[in-house]
Amino acid sequence: MRLAEYTDYTLRVLMYCAARPQQLVTIGELAERHGVSKNHLMKIVNALARQGVLETTRGRGGGLRLLADPATLRVGDVVRAAETDFRLVECFDAEVNECLLSPACRLKHLFDSALRAFLKELDGATLADLAAPAAALPKPGAPRPSQPPQPPQPITLRRRKPPQA
């Protein structure tokens, strides 16, 4: 499963604002920090403002700030609100499902359980859990820290080669 960039940037906007509770943040600042277009961020910010999560102030000296207490904003709720499609496989949507295995297939139930577990895990974290204090964040243009080592992958599945004729 892969979250949409919209969801990724929604979480980034919220985390950035949560790390600066006493400060108005501008779209330009967010765009520069995350390397995202201002237009894309405007869509995200407008949606969050309509939901009552952000307060926006227009004009010179304006910006945006988090309205909600970060400790009350569950990450799972943010992801549910931002994502448009949780169909992991075709059979999650009865209107388009044409899979012949559906009546007896156990895979759908496995994926459904996995999705519920994923969202339950996200529900266990709040925006406050994720928001680092502004002083702990790197400055724009600063070199990025090296990526932490990735855990070993126990199994790697590879696409089968088609049989040769």
C-alpha atoms as a PDB file:
ATOM      1  CA  MET A   1       0.000   0.000   0.000  1.00  0.00           C
ATOM      2  CA  ARG A   2       1.231   3.458  -0.824  1.00  0.00           C
ATOM      3  CA  LEU A   3      -0.202   6.685   0.513  1.00  0.00           C
ATOM      4  CA  ALA A   4      -0.873   9.490  -1.941  1.00  0.00           C
ATOM      5  CA  GLU A   5       1.506  12.440  -2.041  1.00  0.00           C
ATOM      6  CA  TYR A   6      -1.470  14.559  -0.977  1.00  0.00           C
ATOM      7  CA  THR A   7      -1.643  12.605   2.292  1.00  0.00           C
ATOM      8  CA  ASP A   8       2.120  12.784   2.770  1.00  0.00           C
ATOM      9  CA  TYR A   9       2.133  16.572   2.369  1.00  0.00           C
ATOM     10  CA  THR A  10      -0.989  16.948   4.515  1.00  0.00           C
ATOM     11  CA  LEU A  11       0.881  15.252   7.351  1.00  0.00           C
ATOM     12  CA  ARG A  12       3.982  17.354   6.705  1.00  0.00           C
ATOM     13  CA  VAL A  13       1.972  20.605   6.838  1.00  0.00           C
ATOM     14  CA  LEU A  14       0.352  19.564  10.103  1.00  0.00           C
ATOM     15  CA  MET A  15       3.632  18.428  11.657  1.00  0.00           C
ATOM     16  CA  TYR A  16       5.357  21.652  10.615  1.00  0.00           C
ATOM     17  CA  CYS A  17       2.592  23.776  12.113  1.00  0.00           C
ATOM     18  CA  ALA A  18       2.461  21.676  15.289  1.00  0.00           C
ATOM     19  CA  ALA A  19       6.189  22.259  15.786  1.00  0.00           C
ATOM     20  CA  ARG A  20       5.535  26.040  15.685  1.00  0.00           C
ATOM     21  CA  PRO A  21       2.474  26.563  17.890  1.00  0.00           C
ATOM     22  CA  GLN A  22       3.079  30.280  18.499  1.00  0.00           C
ATOM     23  CA  GLN A  23       3.994  31.159  14.920  1.00  0.00           C
ATOM     24  CA  LEU A  24       2.085  31.929  11.720  1.00  0.00           C
ATOM     25  CA  VAL A  25       3.464  29.728   8.943  1.00  0.00           C
ATOM     26  CA  THR A  26       3.262  30.845   5.308  1.00  0.00           C
ATOM     27  CA  ILE A  27       2.560  28.802   2.203  1.00  0.00           C
ATOM     28  CA  GLY A  28       5.846  30.088   0.770  1.00  0.00           C
ATOM     29  CA  GLU A  29       7.745  28.836   3.809  1.00  0.00           C
ATOM     30  CA  LEU A  30       6.107  25.400   3.513  1.00  0.00           C
ATOM     31  CA  ALA A  31       6.758  25.267  -0.248  1.00  0.00           C
ATOM     32  CA  GLU A  32      10.424  26.112   0.225  1.00  0.00           C
ATOM     33  CA  ARG A  33      10.857  23.712   3.142  1.00  0.00           C
ATOM     34  CA  HIS A  34       9.272  20.732   1.403  1.00  0.00           C
ATOM     35  CA  GLY A  35      10.041  21.490  -2.241  1.00  0.00           C
ATOM     36  CA  VAL A  36       6.369  21.436  -3.213  1.00  0.00           C
ATOM     37  CA  SER A  37       4.466  23.881  -5.395  1.00  0.00           C
ATOM     38  CA  LYS A  38       2.518  26.618  -3.635  1.00  0.00           C
ATOM     39  CA  ASN A  39      -0.605  25.659  -5.620  1.00  0.00           C
ATOM     40  CA  HIS A  40      -0.490  22.084  -4.339  1.00  0.00           C
ATOM     41  CA  LEU A  41      -0.040  23.280  -0.775  1.00  0.00           C
ATOM     42  CA  MET A  42      -2.899  25.778  -1.158  1.00  0.00           C
ATOM     43  CA  LYS A  43      -5.277  22.900  -1.929  1.00  0.00           C
ATOM     44  CA  ILE A  44      -4.129  21.028   1.165  1.00  0.00           C
ATOM     45  CA  VAL A  45      -4.274  24.079   3.424  1.00  0.00           C
ATOM     46  CA  ASN A  46      -7.733  25.069   2.151  1.00  0.00           C
ATOM     47  CA  ALA A  47      -9.061  21.560   2.810  1.00  0.00           C
ATOM     48  CA  LEU A  48      -7.580  21.557   6.331  1.00  0.00           C
ATOM     49  CA  ALA A  49      -9.059  25.010   7.005  1.00  0.00           C
ATOM     50  CA  ARG A  50     -12.525  23.862   5.831  1.00  0.00           C
ATOM     51  CA  GLN A  51     -12.238  20.926   8.246  1.00  0.00           C
ATOM     52  CA  GLY A  52     -11.421  23.302  11.099  1.00  0.00           C
ATOM     53  CA  VAL A  53      -7.925  21.921  11.623  1.00  0.00           C
ATOM     54  CA  LEU A  54      -6.039  25.030  10.465  1.00  0.00           C
ATOM     55  CA  GLU A  55      -6.756  28.728  10.884  1.00  0.00           C
ATOM     56  CA  THR A  56      -5.731  30.873   7.930  1.00  0.00           C
ATOM     57  CA  THR A  57      -5.160  34.625   7.836  1.00  0.00           C
ATOM     58  CA  ARG A  58      -4.945  36.350   4.463  1.00  0.00           C
ATOM     59  CA  GLY A  59      -2.835  39.296   3.437  1.00  0.00           C
ATOM     60  CA  ARG A  60       0.401  40.836   4.538  1.00  0.00           C
ATOM     61  CA  GLY A  61       1.479  39.368   7.845  1.00  0.00           C
ATOM     62  CA  GLY A  62      -0.918  36.457   7.319  1.00  0.00           C
ATOM     63  CA  GLY A  63      -0.311  32.765   7.379  1.00  0.00           C
ATOM     64  CA  LEU A  64      -1.698  29.659   8.942  1.00  0.00           C
ATOM     65  CA  ARG A  65      -1.599  27.935  12.291  1.00  0.00           C
ATOM     66  CA  LEU A  66      -2.909  24.773  13.825  1.00  0.00           C
ATOM     67  CA  LEU A  67      -6.312  25.262  15.473  1.00  0.00           C
ATOM     68  CA  ALA A  68      -6.657  21.824  16.984  1.00  0.00           C
ATOM     69  CA  ASP A  69      -4.598  20.527  19.869  1.00  0.00           C
ATOM     70  CA  PRO A  70      -1.958  18.225  18.292  1.00  0.00           C
ATOM     71  CA  ALA A  71      -2.552  15.702  21.077  1.00  0.00           C
ATOM     72  CA  THR A  72      -6.158  15.256  19.879  1.00  0.00           C
ATOM     73  CA  LEU A  73      -5.389  14.785  16.178  1.00  0.00           C
ATOM     74  CA  ARG A  74      -4.953  11.084  15.480  1.00  0.00           C
ATOM     75  CA  VAL A  75      -2.736  10.301  12.499  1.00  0.00           C
ATOM     76  CA  GLY A  76      -5.228   7.630  11.376  1.00  0.00           C
ATOM     77  CA  ASP A  77      -8.011  10.224  11.151  1.00  0.00           C
ATOM     78  CA  VAL A  78      -5.809  12.532   9.087  1.00  0.00           C
ATOM     79  CA  VAL A  79      -4.928   9.691   6.714  1.00  0.00           C
ATOM     80  CA  ARG A  80      -8.577   8.616   6.366  1.00  0.00           C
ATOM     81  CA  ALA A  81      -9.594  12.204   5.561  1.00  0.00           C
ATOM     82  CA  ALA A  82      -6.794  12.747   3.044  1.00  0.00           C
ATOM     83  CA  GLU A  83      -6.792   9.423   1.190  1.00  0.00           C
ATOM     84  CA  THR A  84      -9.395   8.895  -1.496  1.00  0.00           C
ATOM     85  CA  ASP A  85      -8.972   5.196  -2.146  1.00  0.00           C
ATOM     86  CA  PHE A  86      -8.335   2.340   0.243  1.00  0.00           C
ATOM     87  CA  ARG A  87      -9.061  -0.393  -2.302  1.00  0.00           C
ATOM     88  CA  LEU A  88      -6.013  -2.556  -1.995  1.00  0.00           C
ATOM     89  CA  VAL A  89      -7.332  -5.040  -4.541  1.00  0.00           C
ATOM     90  CA  GLU A  90     -10.141  -5.100  -7.085  1.00  0.00           C
ATOM     91  CA  CYS A  91     -12.505  -7.089  -4.887  1.00  0.00           C
ATOM     92  CA  PHE A  92     -12.647  -4.265  -2.302  1.00  0.00           C
ATOM     93  CA  ASP A  93     -15.026  -2.501  -4.726  1.00  0.00           C
ATOM     94  CA  ALA A  94     -18.102  -4.606  -5.496  1.00  0.00           C
ATOM     95  CA  GLU A  95     -19.049  -2.321  -8.413  1.00  0.00           C
ATOM     96  CA  VAL A  96     -15.939  -3.157 -10.434  1.00  0.00           C
ATOM     97  CA  ASN A  97     -15.023  -6.566  -9.049  1.00  0.00           C
ATOM     98  CA  GLU A  98     -14.808  -9.160 -11.805  1.00  0.00           C
ATOM     99  CA  CYS A  99     -12.533 -11.611 -10.039  1.00  0.00           C
ATOM    100  CA  LEU A 100     -13.816 -15.154 -10.344  1.00  0.00           C
ATOM    101  CA  LEU A 101     -12.120 -16.171  -7.085  1.00  0.00           C
ATOM    102  CA  SER A 102     -14.084 -13.688  -4.947  1.00  0.00           C
ATOM    103  CA  PRO A 103     -16.747 -16.042  -3.587  1.00  0.00           C
ATOM    104  CA  ALA A 104     -14.156 -18.352  -2.006  1.00  0.00           C
ATOM    105  CA  CYS A 105     -11.085 -16.117  -1.832  1.00  0.00           C
ATOM    106  CA  ARG A 106      -9.392 -15.553   1.515  1.00  0.00           C
ATOM    107  CA  LEU A 107      -6.953 -12.965   0.200  1.00  0.00           C
ATOM    108  CA  LYS A 108      -9.512 -10.159   0.440  1.00  0.00           C
ATOM    109  CA  HIS A 109     -10.015 -10.921   4.137  1.00  0.00           C
ATOM    110  CA  LEU A 110      -6.258 -10.959   4.711  1.00  0.00           C
ATOM    111  CA  PHE A 111      -5.838  -7.573   3.015  1.00  0.00           C
ATOM    112  CA  ASP A 112      -8.852  -6.187   4.871  1.00  0.00           C
ATOM    113  CA  SER A 113      -7.362  -7.310   8.201  1.00  0.00           C
ATOM    114  CA  ALA A 114      -4.019  -5.798   7.251  1.00  0.00           C
ATOM    115  CA  LEU A 115      -5.633  -2.481   6.321  1.00  0.00           C
ATOM    116  CA  ARG A 116      -7.541  -2.368   9.603  1.00  0.00           C
ATOM    117  CA  ALA A 117      -4.329  -3.147  11.523  1.00  0.00           C
ATOM    118  CA  PHE A 118      -2.493  -0.407   9.611  1.00  0.00           C
ATOM    119  CA  LEU A 119      -5.163   2.173  10.435  1.00  0.00           C
ATOM    120  CA  LYS A 120      -5.364   0.986  14.046  1.00  0.00           C
ATOM    121  CA  GLU A 121      -1.612   1.536  14.377  1.00  0.00           C
ATOM    122  CA  LEU A 122      -1.971   5.044  12.940  1.00  0.00           C
ATOM    123  CA  ASP A 123      -4.855   5.706  15.339  1.00  0.00           C
ATOM    124  CA  GLY A 124      -2.465   5.017  18.202  1.00  0.00           C
ATOM    125  CA  ALA A 125      -0.331   8.044  17.277  1.00  0.00           C
ATOM    126  CA  THR A 126      -1.250  11.702  17.457  1.00  0.00           C
ATOM    127  CA  LEU A 127       0.204  14.705  15.721  1.00  0.00           C
ATOM    128  CA  ALA A 128       1.864  15.627  19.033  1.00  0.00           C
ATOM    129  CA  ASP A 129       3.741  12.318  18.928  1.00  0.00           C
ATOM    130  CA  LEU A 130       5.183  13.193  15.527  1.00  0.00           C
ATOM    131  CA  ALA A 131       5.865  16.911  15.837  1.00  0.00           C
ATOM    132  CA  ALA A 132       9.447  17.720  16.726  1.00  0.00           C
ATOM    133  CA  PRO A 133      10.132  21.125  18.278  1.00  0.00           C
ATOM    134  CA  ALA A 134      11.052  23.667  15.592  1.00  0.00           C
ATOM    135  CA  ALA A 135      14.592  23.976  16.992  1.00  0.00           C
ATOM    136  CA  ALA A 136      15.188  20.271  16.294  1.00  0.00           C
ATOM    137  CA  LEU A 137      14.294  20.552  12.586  1.00  0.00           C
ATOM    138  CA  PRO A 138      17.039  21.144   9.994  1.00  0.00           C
ATOM    139  CA  LYS A 139      17.218  24.581   8.364  1.00  0.00           C
ATOM    140  CA  PRO A 140      16.079  24.905   4.718  1.00  0.00           C
ATOM    141  CA  GLY A 141      18.949  24.066   2.387  1.00  0.00           C
ATOM    142  CA  ALA A 142      20.898  22.278   5.116  1.00  0.00           C
ATOM    143  CA  PRO A 143      22.318  18.899   4.126  1.00  0.00           C
ATOM    144  CA  ARG A 144      19.941  16.108   4.921  1.00  0.00           C
ATOM    145  CA  PRO A 145      21.048  13.602   7.516  1.00  0.00           C
ATOM    146  CA  SER A 146      21.995  10.228   6.139  1.00  0.00           C
ATOM    147  CA  GLN A 147      19.204   7.704   6.016  1.00  0.00           C
ATOM    148  CA  PRO A 148      19.082   5.293   8.944  1.00  0.00           C
ATOM    149  CA  PRO A 149      20.043   1.746   8.068  1.00  0.00           C
ATOM    150  CA  GLN A 150      17.147  -0.267   6.746  1.00  0.00           C
ATOM    151  CA  PRO A 151      16.277  -3.521   8.471  1.00  0.00           C
ATOM    152  CA  PRO A 152      17.182  -6.605   6.464  1.00  0.00           C
ATOM    153  CA  GLN A 153      14.533  -7.905   4.109  1.00  0.00           C
ATOM    154  CA  PRO A 154      13.899 -11.548   5.000  1.00  0.00           C
ATOM    155  CA  ILE A 155      12.224 -12.460   1.715  1.00  0.00           C
ATOM    156  CA  THR A 156      12.484 -10.836  -1.677  1.00  0.00           C
ATOM    157  CA  LEU A 157       9.850 -11.816  -4.207  1.00  0.00           C
ATOM    158  CA  ARG A 158      10.847 -11.487  -7.816  1.00  0.00           C
ATOM    159  CA  ARG A 159       8.688 -11.478 -10.873  1.00  0.00           C
ATOM    160  CA  ARG A 160       8.765 -14.815 -12.602  1.00  0.00           C
ATOM    161  CA  LYS A 161      10.348 -14.896 -15.999  1.00  0.00           C
ATOM    162  CA  PRO A 162       7.926 -16.003 -18.681  1.00  0.00           C
ATOM    163  CA  PRO A 163       8.594 -19.487 -20.037  1.00  0.00           C
ATOM    164  CA  GLN A 164      10.697 -19.487 -23.150  1.00  0.00           C
ATOM    165  CA  ALA A 165       9.149 -20.987 -26.212  1.00  0.00           C
END
